[in-house]
């Protein structure tokens, strides 16, 4: 692999992992009858709506497992979504 191929591979893998993270977040929200776009906006009020979140929310593809709050928070933090992890934590503590 040359440098361009390595960079393309890394970007592709990150995007695939990002989609999984968003799907986990959406699933967690759906399990708790919460609106993922609303929660995302609470965490990031100055950002425009997240296109990937909107696309995947409309797909409504569910996982065949229950998503634990702690797992979701850890996954969000791995991707640097600390504000969203904090917001999710607050919702988890309410329930």
PDB file of N, CA and C in Angstrom:
ATOM      1  N   UNK A   1       0.842  -1.188   0.000  1.00  0.00           N
ATOM      2  CA  UNK A   1       0.000   0.000   0.000  1.00  0.00           C
ATOM      3  C   UNK A   1       0.883   1.246   0.000  1.00  0.00           C
ATOM      4  N   UNK A   2       0.513   2.186  -0.839  1.00  0.00           N
ATOM      5  CA  UNK A   2       1.236   3.452  -0.794  1.00  0.00           C
ATOM      6  C   UNK A   2       0.554   4.381   0.204  1.00  0.00           C
ATOM      7  N   UNK A   3       1.119   5.535   0.393  1.00  0.00           N
ATOM      8  CA  UNK A   3       0.632   6.482   1.414  1.00  0.00           C
ATOM      9  C   UNK A   3      -0.830   6.882   1.173  1.00  0.00           C
ATOM     10  N   UNK A   4      -1.208   7.132  -0.083  1.00  0.00           N
ATOM     11  CA  UNK A   4      -2.589   7.529  -0.390  1.00  0.00           C
ATOM     12  C   UNK A   4      -3.568   6.409  -0.057  1.00  0.00           C
ATOM     13  N   UNK A   5      -3.202   5.183  -0.359  1.00  0.00           N
ATOM     14  CA  UNK A   5      -4.072   4.050  -0.058  1.00  0.00           C
ATOM     15  C   UNK A   5      -4.232   3.858   1.443  1.00  0.00           C
ATOM     16  N   UNK A   6      -3.160   4.043   2.178  1.00  0.00           N
ATOM     17  CA  UNK A   6      -3.218   3.932   3.638  1.00  0.00           C
ATOM     18  C   UNK A   6      -4.136   5.004   4.216  1.00  0.00           C
ATOM     19  N   UNK A   7      -3.987   6.236   3.746  1.00  0.00           N
ATOM     20  CA  UNK A   7      -4.837   7.333   4.214  1.00  0.00           C
ATOM     21  C   UNK A   7      -6.298   7.076   3.884  1.00  0.00           C
ATOM     22  N   UNK A   8      -6.571   6.605   2.669  1.00  0.00           N
ATOM     23  CA  UNK A   8      -7.947   6.307   2.264  1.00  0.00           C
ATOM     24  C   UNK A   8      -8.538   5.195   3.130  1.00  0.00           C
ATOM     25  N   UNK A   9      -7.729   4.191   3.436  1.00  0.00           N
ATOM     26  CA  UNK A   9      -8.180   3.084   4.273  1.00  0.00           C
ATOM     27  C   UNK A   9      -8.514   3.570   5.685  1.00  0.00           C
ATOM     28  N   UNK A  10      -7.669   4.396   6.241  1.00  0.00           N
ATOM     29  CA  UNK A  10      -7.892   4.925   7.593  1.00  0.00           C
ATOM     30  C   UNK A  10      -9.175   5.755   7.625  1.00  0.00           C
ATOM     31  N   UNK A  11      -9.358   6.595   6.634  1.00  0.00           N
ATOM     32  CA  UNK A  11     -10.568   7.420   6.571  1.00  0.00           C
ATOM     33  C   UNK A  11     -11.810   6.546   6.447  1.00  0.00           C
ATOM     34  N   UNK A  12     -11.745   5.542   5.596  1.00  0.00           N
ATOM     35  CA  UNK A  12     -12.879   4.633   5.410  1.00  0.00           C
ATOM     36  C   UNK A  12     -13.224   3.924   6.709  1.00  0.00           C
ATOM     37  N   UNK A  13     -12.221   3.409   7.411  1.00  0.00           N
ATOM     38  CA  UNK A  13     -12.454   2.706   8.674  1.00  0.00           C
ATOM     39  C   UNK A  13     -13.052   3.647   9.725  1.00  0.00           C
ATOM     40  N   UNK A  14     -12.555   4.875   9.802  1.00  0.00           N
ATOM     41  CA  UNK A  14     -13.093   5.831  10.761  1.00  0.00           C
ATOM     42  C   UNK A  14     -14.563   6.106  10.456  1.00  0.00           C
ATOM     43  N   UNK A  15     -14.889   6.295   9.181  1.00  0.00           N
ATOM     44  CA  UNK A  15     -16.271   6.571   8.804  1.00  0.00           C
ATOM     45  C   UNK A  15     -17.184   5.391   9.128  1.00  0.00           C
ATOM     46  N   UNK A  16     -16.708   4.183   8.900  1.00  0.00           N
ATOM     47  CA  UNK A  16     -17.497   2.993   9.254  1.00  0.00           C
ATOM     48  C   UNK A  16     -17.717   2.924  10.758  1.00  0.00           C
ATOM     49  N   UNK A  17     -16.674   3.173  11.531  1.00  0.00           N
ATOM     50  CA  UNK A  17     -16.792   3.154  12.987  1.00  0.00           C
ATOM     51  C   UNK A  17     -17.705   4.264  13.486  1.00  0.00           C
ATOM     52  N   UNK A  18     -17.628   5.426  12.837  1.00  0.00           N
ATOM     53  CA  UNK A  18     -18.500   6.543  13.206  1.00  0.00           C
ATOM     54  C   UNK A  18     -19.961   6.166  12.984  1.00  0.00           C
ATOM     55  N   UNK A  19     -20.254   5.481  11.890  1.00  0.00           N
ATOM     56  CA  UNK A  19     -21.628   5.051  11.633  1.00  0.00           C
ATOM     57  C   UNK A  19     -22.118   4.095  12.720  1.00  0.00           C
ATOM     58  N   UNK A  20     -21.253   3.202  13.142  1.00  0.00           N
ATOM     59  CA  UNK A  20     -21.624   2.278  14.216  1.00  0.00           C
ATOM     60  C   UNK A  20     -21.917   3.052  15.498  1.00  0.00           C
ATOM     61  N   UNK A  21     -21.070   4.031  15.812  1.00  0.00           N
ATOM     62  CA  UNK A  21     -21.287   4.845  17.012  1.00  0.00           C
ATOM     63  C   UNK A  21     -22.630   5.563  16.942  1.00  0.00           C
ATOM     64  N   UNK A  22     -22.963   6.132  15.791  1.00  0.00           N
ATOM     65  CA  UNK A  22     -24.236   6.848  15.637  1.00  0.00           C
ATOM     66  C   UNK A  22     -25.400   5.865  15.754  1.00  0.00           C
ATOM     67  N   UNK A  23     -25.273   4.700  15.159  1.00  0.00           N
ATOM     68  CA  UNK A  23     -26.341   3.695  15.260  1.00  0.00           C
ATOM     69  C   UNK A  23     -26.560   3.250  16.716  1.00  0.00           C
ATOM     70  N   UNK A  24     -25.489   3.104  17.462  1.00  0.00           N
ATOM     71  CA  UNK A  24     -25.605   2.732  18.875  1.00  0.00           C
ATOM     72  C   UNK A  24     -26.337   3.832  19.640  1.00  0.00           C
ATOM     73  N   UNK A  25     -25.989   5.081  19.370  1.00  0.00           N
ATOM     74  CA  UNK A  25     -26.659   6.213  20.015  1.00  0.00           C
ATOM     75  C   UNK A  25     -28.150   6.221  19.671  1.00  0.00           C
ATOM     76  N   UNK A  26     -28.474   6.041  18.399  1.00  0.00           N
ATOM     77  CA  UNK A  26     -29.878   6.033  17.972  1.00  0.00           C
ATOM     78  C   UNK A  26     -30.632   4.897  18.655  1.00  0.00           C
ATOM     79  N   UNK A  27     -30.031   3.716  18.693  1.00  0.00           N
ATOM     80  CA  UNK A  27     -30.678   2.567  19.324  1.00  0.00           C
ATOM     81  C   UNK A  27     -30.935   2.841  20.807  1.00  0.00           C
ATOM     82  N   UNK A  28     -29.949   3.393  21.491  1.00  0.00           N
ATOM     83  CA  UNK A  28     -30.105   3.718  22.909  1.00  0.00           C
ATOM     84  C   UNK A  28     -31.289   4.676  23.099  1.00  0.00           C
ATOM     85  N   UNK A  29     -31.364   5.679  22.237  1.00  0.00           N
ATOM     86  CA  UNK A  29     -32.472   6.650  22.326  1.00  0.00           C
ATOM     87  C   UNK A  29     -33.817   5.975  22.085  1.00  0.00           C
ATOM     88  N   UNK A  30     -33.899   5.153  21.056  1.00  0.00           N
ATOM     89  CA  UNK A  30     -35.162   4.488  20.734  1.00  0.00           C
ATOM     90  C   UNK A  30     -35.610   3.557  21.851  1.00  0.00           C
ATOM     91  N   UNK A  31     -34.666   2.896  22.493  1.00  0.00           N
ATOM     92  CA  UNK A  31     -35.018   1.999  23.602  1.00  0.00           C
ATOM     93  C   UNK A  31     -35.638   2.771  24.756  1.00  0.00           C
ATOM     94  N   UNK A  32     -35.359   4.049  24.848  1.00  0.00           N
ATOM     95  CA  UNK A  32     -35.848   4.879  25.946  1.00  0.00           C
ATOM     96  C   UNK A  32     -36.881   5.910  25.495  1.00  0.00           C
ATOM     97  N   UNK A  33     -37.383   5.751  24.293  1.00  0.00           N
ATOM     98  CA  UNK A  33     -38.370   6.675  23.709  1.00  0.00           C
ATOM     99  C   UNK A  33     -37.876   8.123  23.727  1.00  0.00           C
ATOM    100  N   UNK A  34     -36.609   8.308  23.369  1.00  0.00           N
ATOM    101  CA  UNK A  34     -36.005   9.640  23.302  1.00  0.00           C
ATOM    102  C   UNK A  34     -35.699   9.979  21.849  1.00  0.00           C
ATOM    103  N   UNK A  35     -35.699  11.254  21.539  1.00  0.00           N
ATOM    104  CA  UNK A  35     -35.408  11.728  20.193  1.00  0.00           C
ATOM    105  C   UNK A  35     -33.903  11.976  20.066  1.00  0.00           C
ATOM    106  N   UNK A  36     -33.192  11.190  19.249  1.00  0.00           N
ATOM    107  CA  UNK A  36     -31.742  11.345  19.156  1.00  0.00           C
ATOM    108  C   UNK A  36     -31.308  12.711  18.626  1.00  0.00           C
ATOM    109  N   UNK A  37     -32.071  13.269  17.693  1.00  0.00           N
ATOM    110  CA  UNK A  37     -31.701  14.579  17.158  1.00  0.00           C
ATOM    111  C   UNK A  37     -31.861  15.674  18.220  1.00  0.00           C
ATOM    112  N   UNK A  38     -32.876  15.560  19.042  1.00  0.00           N
ATOM    113  CA  UNK A  38     -33.090  16.530  20.124  1.00  0.00           C
ATOM    114  C   UNK A  38     -31.950  16.451  21.149  1.00  0.00           C
ATOM    115  N   UNK A  39     -31.566  15.254  21.519  1.00  0.00           N
ATOM    116  CA  UNK A  39     -30.498  15.086  22.499  1.00  0.00           C
ATOM    117  C   UNK A  39     -29.173  15.588  21.922  1.00  0.00           C
ATOM    118  N   UNK A  40     -28.925  15.290  20.656  1.00  0.00           N
ATOM    119  CA  UNK A  40     -27.703  15.778  20.005  1.00  0.00           C
ATOM    120  C   UNK A  40     -27.676  17.306  20.016  1.00  0.00           C
ATOM    121  N   UNK A  41     -28.821  17.919  19.722  1.00  0.00           N
ATOM    122  CA  UNK A  41     -28.896  19.385  19.715  1.00  0.00           C
ATOM    123  C   UNK A  41     -28.675  19.958  21.122  1.00  0.00           C
ATOM    124  N   UNK A  42     -29.160  19.273  22.132  1.00  0.00           N
ATOM    125  CA  UNK A  42     -28.923  19.721  23.515  1.00  0.00           C
ATOM    126  C   UNK A  42     -27.428  19.712  23.830  1.00  0.00           C
ATOM    127  N   UNK A  43     -26.739  18.698  23.346  1.00  0.00           N
ATOM    128  CA  UNK A  43     -25.302  18.576  23.614  1.00  0.00           C
ATOM    129  C   UNK A  43     -24.496  19.581  22.796  1.00  0.00           C
ATOM    130  N   UNK A  44     -24.939  19.850  21.577  1.00  0.00           N
ATOM    131  CA  UNK A  44     -24.205  20.731  20.656  1.00  0.00           C
ATOM    132  C   UNK A  44     -25.155  21.785  20.068  1.00  0.00           C
ATOM    133  N   UNK A  45     -25.639  22.713  20.896  1.00  0.00           N
ATOM    134  CA  UNK A  45     -26.652  23.679  20.426  1.00  0.00           C
ATOM    135  C   UNK A  45     -26.174  24.621  19.321  1.00  0.00           C
ATOM    136  N   UNK A  46     -24.889  24.869  19.227  1.00  0.00           N
ATOM    137  CA  UNK A  46     -24.405  25.811  18.214  1.00  0.00           C
ATOM    138  C   UNK A  46     -24.069  25.129  16.884  1.00  0.00           C
ATOM    139  N   UNK A  47     -24.156  23.798  16.835  1.00  0.00           N
ATOM    140  CA  UNK A  47     -23.848  23.081  15.604  1.00  0.00           C
ATOM    141  C   UNK A  47     -25.108  22.904  14.762  1.00  0.00           C
ATOM    142  N   UNK A  48     -24.929  22.849  13.447  1.00  0.00           N
ATOM    143  CA  UNK A  48     -26.090  22.549  12.586  1.00  0.00           C
ATOM    144  C   UNK A  48     -26.507  21.097  12.795  1.00  0.00           C
ATOM    145  N   UNK A  49     -27.691  20.737  12.340  1.00  0.00           N
ATOM    146  CA  UNK A  49     -28.116  19.340  12.477  1.00  0.00           C
ATOM    147  C   UNK A  49     -27.095  18.397  11.845  1.00  0.00           C
ATOM    148  N   UNK A  50     -26.905  17.262  12.487  1.00  0.00           N
ATOM    149  CA  UNK A  50     -25.939  16.268  12.029  1.00  0.00           C
ATOM    150  C   UNK A  50     -26.568  15.444  10.907  1.00  0.00           C
ATOM    151  N   UNK A  51     -25.981  15.539   9.702  1.00  0.00           N
ATOM    152  CA  UNK A  51     -26.550  14.854   8.531  1.00  0.00           C
ATOM    153  C   UNK A  51     -26.555  13.341   8.686  1.00  0.00           C
ATOM    154  N   UNK A  52     -25.457  12.789   9.201  1.00  0.00           N
ATOM    155  CA  UNK A  52     -25.382  11.334   9.376  1.00  0.00           C
ATOM    156  C   UNK A  52     -26.419  10.869  10.387  1.00  0.00           C
ATOM    157  N   UNK A  53     -26.571  11.598  11.472  1.00  0.00           N
ATOM    158  CA  UNK A  53     -27.568  11.249  12.488  1.00  0.00           C
ATOM    159  C   UNK A  53     -28.964  11.263  11.874  1.00  0.00           C
ATOM    160  N   UNK A  54     -29.265  12.281  11.106  1.00  0.00           N
ATOM    161  CA  UNK A  54     -30.585  12.377  10.468  1.00  0.00           C
ATOM    162  C   UNK A  54     -30.814  11.217   9.508  1.00  0.00           C
ATOM    163  N   UNK A  55     -29.821  10.914   8.664  1.00  0.00           N
ATOM    164  CA  UNK A  55     -29.938   9.806   7.707  1.00  0.00           C
ATOM    165  C   UNK A  55     -30.190   8.481   8.414  1.00  0.00           C
ATOM    166  N   UNK A  56     -29.384   8.200   9.418  1.00  0.00           N
ATOM    167  CA  UNK A  56     -29.487   6.909  10.093  1.00  0.00           C
ATOM    168  C   UNK A  56     -30.740   6.823  10.965  1.00  0.00           C
ATOM    169  N   UNK A  57     -31.211   7.944  11.482  1.00  0.00           N
ATOM    170  CA  UNK A  57     -32.446   7.949  12.261  1.00  0.00           C
ATOM    171  C   UNK A  57     -33.615   7.586  11.357  1.00  0.00           C
ATOM    172  N   UNK A  58     -33.594   8.094  10.144  1.00  0.00           N
ATOM    173  CA  UNK A  58     -34.675   7.807   9.195  1.00  0.00           C
ATOM    174  C   UNK A  58     -34.671   6.344   8.758  1.00  0.00           C
ATOM    175  N   UNK A  59     -33.496   5.707   8.735  1.00  0.00           N
ATOM    176  CA  UNK A  59     -33.413   4.293   8.353  1.00  0.00           C
ATOM    177  C   UNK A  59     -34.090   3.393   9.367  1.00  0.00           C
ATOM    178  N   UNK A  60     -33.977   3.751  10.636  1.00  0.00           N
ATOM    179  CA  UNK A  60     -34.566   2.989  11.742  1.00  0.00           C
ATOM    180  C   UNK A  60     -34.135   1.531  11.760  1.00  0.00           C
ATOM    181  N   UNK A  61     -32.885   1.290  11.413  1.00  0.00           N
ATOM    182  CA  UNK A  61     -32.337  -0.064  11.492  1.00  0.00           C
ATOM    183  C   UNK A  61     -31.934  -0.314  12.942  1.00  0.00           C
ATOM    184  N   UNK A  62     -32.562  -1.277  13.566  1.00  0.00           N
ATOM    185  CA  UNK A  62     -32.315  -1.534  14.976  1.00  0.00           C
ATOM    186  C   UNK A  62     -31.287  -2.634  15.173  1.00  0.00           C
ATOM    187  N   UNK A  63     -30.554  -2.531  16.278  1.00  0.00           N
ATOM    188  CA  UNK A  63     -29.655  -3.607  16.681  1.00  0.00           C
ATOM    189  C   UNK A  63     -30.486  -4.683  17.360  1.00  0.00           C
ATOM    190  N   UNK A  64     -29.959  -5.856  17.397  1.00  0.00           N
ATOM    191  CA  UNK A  64     -30.660  -6.955  18.044  1.00  0.00           C
ATOM    192  C   UNK A  64     -30.185  -7.114  19.481  1.00  0.00           C
ATOM    193  N   UNK A  65     -29.821  -6.014  20.101  1.00  0.00           N
ATOM    194  CA  UNK A  65     -29.359  -6.062  21.482  1.00  0.00           C
ATOM    195  C   UNK A  65     -29.748  -4.764  22.181  1.00  0.00           C
ATOM    196  N   UNK A  66     -29.736  -4.811  23.486  1.00  0.00           N
ATOM    197  CA  UNK A  66     -30.005  -3.634  24.289  1.00  0.00           C
ATOM    198  C   UNK A  66     -28.688  -2.906  24.520  1.00  0.00           C
ATOM    199  N   UNK A  67     -28.730  -1.592  24.374  1.00  0.00           N
ATOM    200  CA  UNK A  67     -27.534  -0.783  24.549  1.00  0.00           C
ATOM    201  C   UNK A  67     -27.519  -0.220  25.971  1.00  0.00           C
ATOM    202  N   UNK A  68     -26.528  -0.593  26.726  1.00  0.00           N
ATOM    203  CA  UNK A  68     -26.340  -0.110  28.096  1.00  0.00           C
ATOM    204  C   UNK A  68     -25.847   1.336  28.070  1.00  0.00           C
ATOM    205  N   UNK A  69     -26.308   2.151  28.986  1.00  0.00           N
ATOM    206  CA  UNK A  69     -25.907   3.563  29.044  1.00  0.00           C
ATOM    207  C   UNK A  69     -24.400   3.720  29.186  1.00  0.00           C
ATOM    208  N   UNK A  70     -23.794   2.917  30.038  1.00  0.00           N
ATOM    209  CA  UNK A  70     -22.349   3.006  30.247  1.00  0.00           C
ATOM    210  C   UNK A  70     -21.563   2.685  28.984  1.00  0.00           C
ATOM    211  N   UNK A  71     -22.040   1.700  28.231  1.00  0.00           N
ATOM    212  CA  UNK A  71     -21.381   1.343  26.978  1.00  0.00           C
ATOM    213  C   UNK A  71     -21.464   2.493  25.991  1.00  0.00           C
ATOM    214  N   UNK A  72     -22.653   3.073  25.861  1.00  0.00           N
ATOM    215  CA  UNK A  72     -22.826   4.200  24.946  1.00  0.00           C
ATOM    216  C   UNK A  72     -21.924   5.358  25.349  1.00  0.00           C
ATOM    217  N   UNK A  73     -21.881   5.678  26.606  1.00  0.00           N
ATOM    218  CA  UNK A  73     -21.045   6.786  27.081  1.00  0.00           C
ATOM    219  C   UNK A  73     -19.585   6.526  26.741  1.00  0.00           C
ATOM    220  N   UNK A  74     -19.113   5.312  26.960  1.00  0.00           N
ATOM    221  CA  UNK A  74     -17.721   4.975  26.623  1.00  0.00           C
ATOM    222  C   UNK A  74     -17.451   5.117  25.130  1.00  0.00           C
ATOM    223  N   UNK A  75     -18.368   4.624  24.306  1.00  0.00           N
ATOM    224  CA  UNK A  75     -18.201   4.719  22.854  1.00  0.00           C
ATOM    225  C   UNK A  75     -18.161   6.182  22.420  1.00  0.00           C
ATOM    226  N   UNK A  76     -19.056   6.991  22.954  1.00  0.00           N
ATOM    227  CA  UNK A  76     -19.080   8.417  22.604  1.00  0.00           C
ATOM    228  C   UNK A  76     -17.768   9.094  22.985  1.00  0.00           C
ATOM    229  N   UNK A  77     -17.244   8.754  24.138  1.00  0.00           N
ATOM    230  CA  UNK A  77     -15.997   9.361  24.585  1.00  0.00           C
ATOM    231  C   UNK A  77     -14.816   8.943  23.726  1.00  0.00           C
ATOM    232  N   UNK A  78     -14.808   7.709  23.247  1.00  0.00           N
ATOM    233  CA  UNK A  78     -13.734   7.247  22.361  1.00  0.00           C
ATOM    234  C   UNK A  78     -13.688   8.123  21.103  1.00  0.00           C
ATOM    235  N   UNK A  79     -14.850   8.545  20.635  1.00  0.00           N
ATOM    236  CA  UNK A  79     -14.925   9.380  19.441  1.00  0.00           C
ATOM    237  C   UNK A  79     -14.822  10.875  19.757  1.00  0.00           C
ATOM    238  N   UNK A  80     -14.569  11.220  21.008  1.00  0.00           N
ATOM    239  CA  UNK A  80     -14.393  12.620  21.376  1.00  0.00           C
ATOM    240  C   UNK A  80     -15.689  13.381  21.530  1.00  0.00           C
ATOM    241  N   UNK A  81     -16.806  12.671  21.659  1.00  0.00           N
ATOM    242  CA  UNK A  81     -18.105  13.311  21.845  1.00  0.00           C
ATOM    243  C   UNK A  81     -18.424  13.440  23.335  1.00  0.00           C
ATOM    244  N   UNK A  82     -17.554  14.132  24.034  1.00  0.00           N
ATOM    245  CA  UNK A  82     -17.702  14.246  25.482  1.00  0.00           C
ATOM    246  C   UNK A  82     -18.964  14.994  25.895  1.00  0.00           C
ATOM    247  N   UNK A  83     -19.325  16.032  25.147  1.00  0.00           N
ATOM    248  CA  UNK A  83     -20.538  16.781  25.480  1.00  0.00           C
ATOM    249  C   UNK A  83     -21.779  15.900  25.323  1.00  0.00           C
ATOM    250  N   UNK A  84     -21.807  15.116  24.264  1.00  0.00           N
ATOM    251  CA  UNK A  84     -22.935  14.214  24.056  1.00  0.00           C
ATOM    252  C   UNK A  84     -22.936  13.120  25.120  1.00  0.00           C
ATOM    253  N   UNK A  85     -21.777  12.622  25.486  1.00  0.00           N
ATOM    254  CA  UNK A  85     -21.682  11.612  26.549  1.00  0.00           C
ATOM    255  C   UNK A  85     -22.228  12.176  27.860  1.00  0.00           C
ATOM    256  N   UNK A  86     -21.920  13.433  28.147  1.00  0.00           N
ATOM    257  CA  UNK A  86     -22.420  14.084  29.367  1.00  0.00           C
ATOM    258  C   UNK A  86     -23.949  14.204  29.323  1.00  0.00           C
ATOM    259  N   UNK A  87     -24.479  14.593  28.176  1.00  0.00           N
ATOM    260  CA  UNK A  87     -25.930  14.724  28.028  1.00  0.00           C
ATOM    261  C   UNK A  87     -26.608  13.362  28.167  1.00  0.00           C
ATOM    262  N   UNK A  88     -26.039  12.334  27.547  1.00  0.00           N
ATOM    263  CA  UNK A  88     -26.576  10.986  27.668  1.00  0.00           C
ATOM    264  C   UNK A  88     -26.549  10.540  29.126  1.00  0.00           C
ATOM    265  N   UNK A  89     -25.475  10.838  29.822  1.00  0.00           N
ATOM    266  CA  UNK A  89     -25.359  10.485  31.234  1.00  0.00           C
ATOM    267  C   UNK A  89     -26.474  11.141  32.053  1.00  0.00           C
ATOM    268  N   UNK A  90     -26.751  12.392  31.757  1.00  0.00           N
ATOM    269  CA  UNK A  90     -27.819  13.102  32.480  1.00  0.00           C
ATOM    270  C   UNK A  90     -29.171  12.440  32.227  1.00  0.00           C
ATOM    271  N   UNK A  91     -29.444  12.066  30.992  1.00  0.00           N
ATOM    272  CA  UNK A  91     -30.695  11.367  30.693  1.00  0.00           C
ATOM    273  C   UNK A  91     -30.739  10.008  31.356  1.00  0.00           C
ATOM    274  N   UNK A  92     -29.629   9.299  31.360  1.00  0.00           N
ATOM    275  CA  UNK A  92     -29.588   7.971  31.983  1.00  0.00           C
ATOM    276  C   UNK A  92     -29.860   8.069  33.480  1.00  0.00           C
ATOM    277  N   UNK A  93     -29.344   9.116  34.109  1.00  0.00           N
ATOM    278  CA  UNK A  93     -29.552   9.306  35.553  1.00  0.00           C
ATOM    279  C   UNK A  93     -30.994   9.668  35.882  1.00  0.00           C
ATOM    280  N   UNK A  94     -31.705  10.267  34.931  1.00  0.00           N
ATOM    281  CA  UNK A  94     -33.123  10.622  35.136  1.00  0.00           C
ATOM    282  C   UNK A  94     -34.010   9.391  35.126  1.00  0.00           C
ATOM    283  N   UNK A  95     -33.560   8.364  34.406  1.00  0.00           N
ATOM    284  CA  UNK A  95     -34.414   7.176  34.240  1.00  0.00           C
ATOM    285  C   UNK A  95     -34.121   6.189  35.268  1.00  0.00           C
TER     286      UNK A  95
END
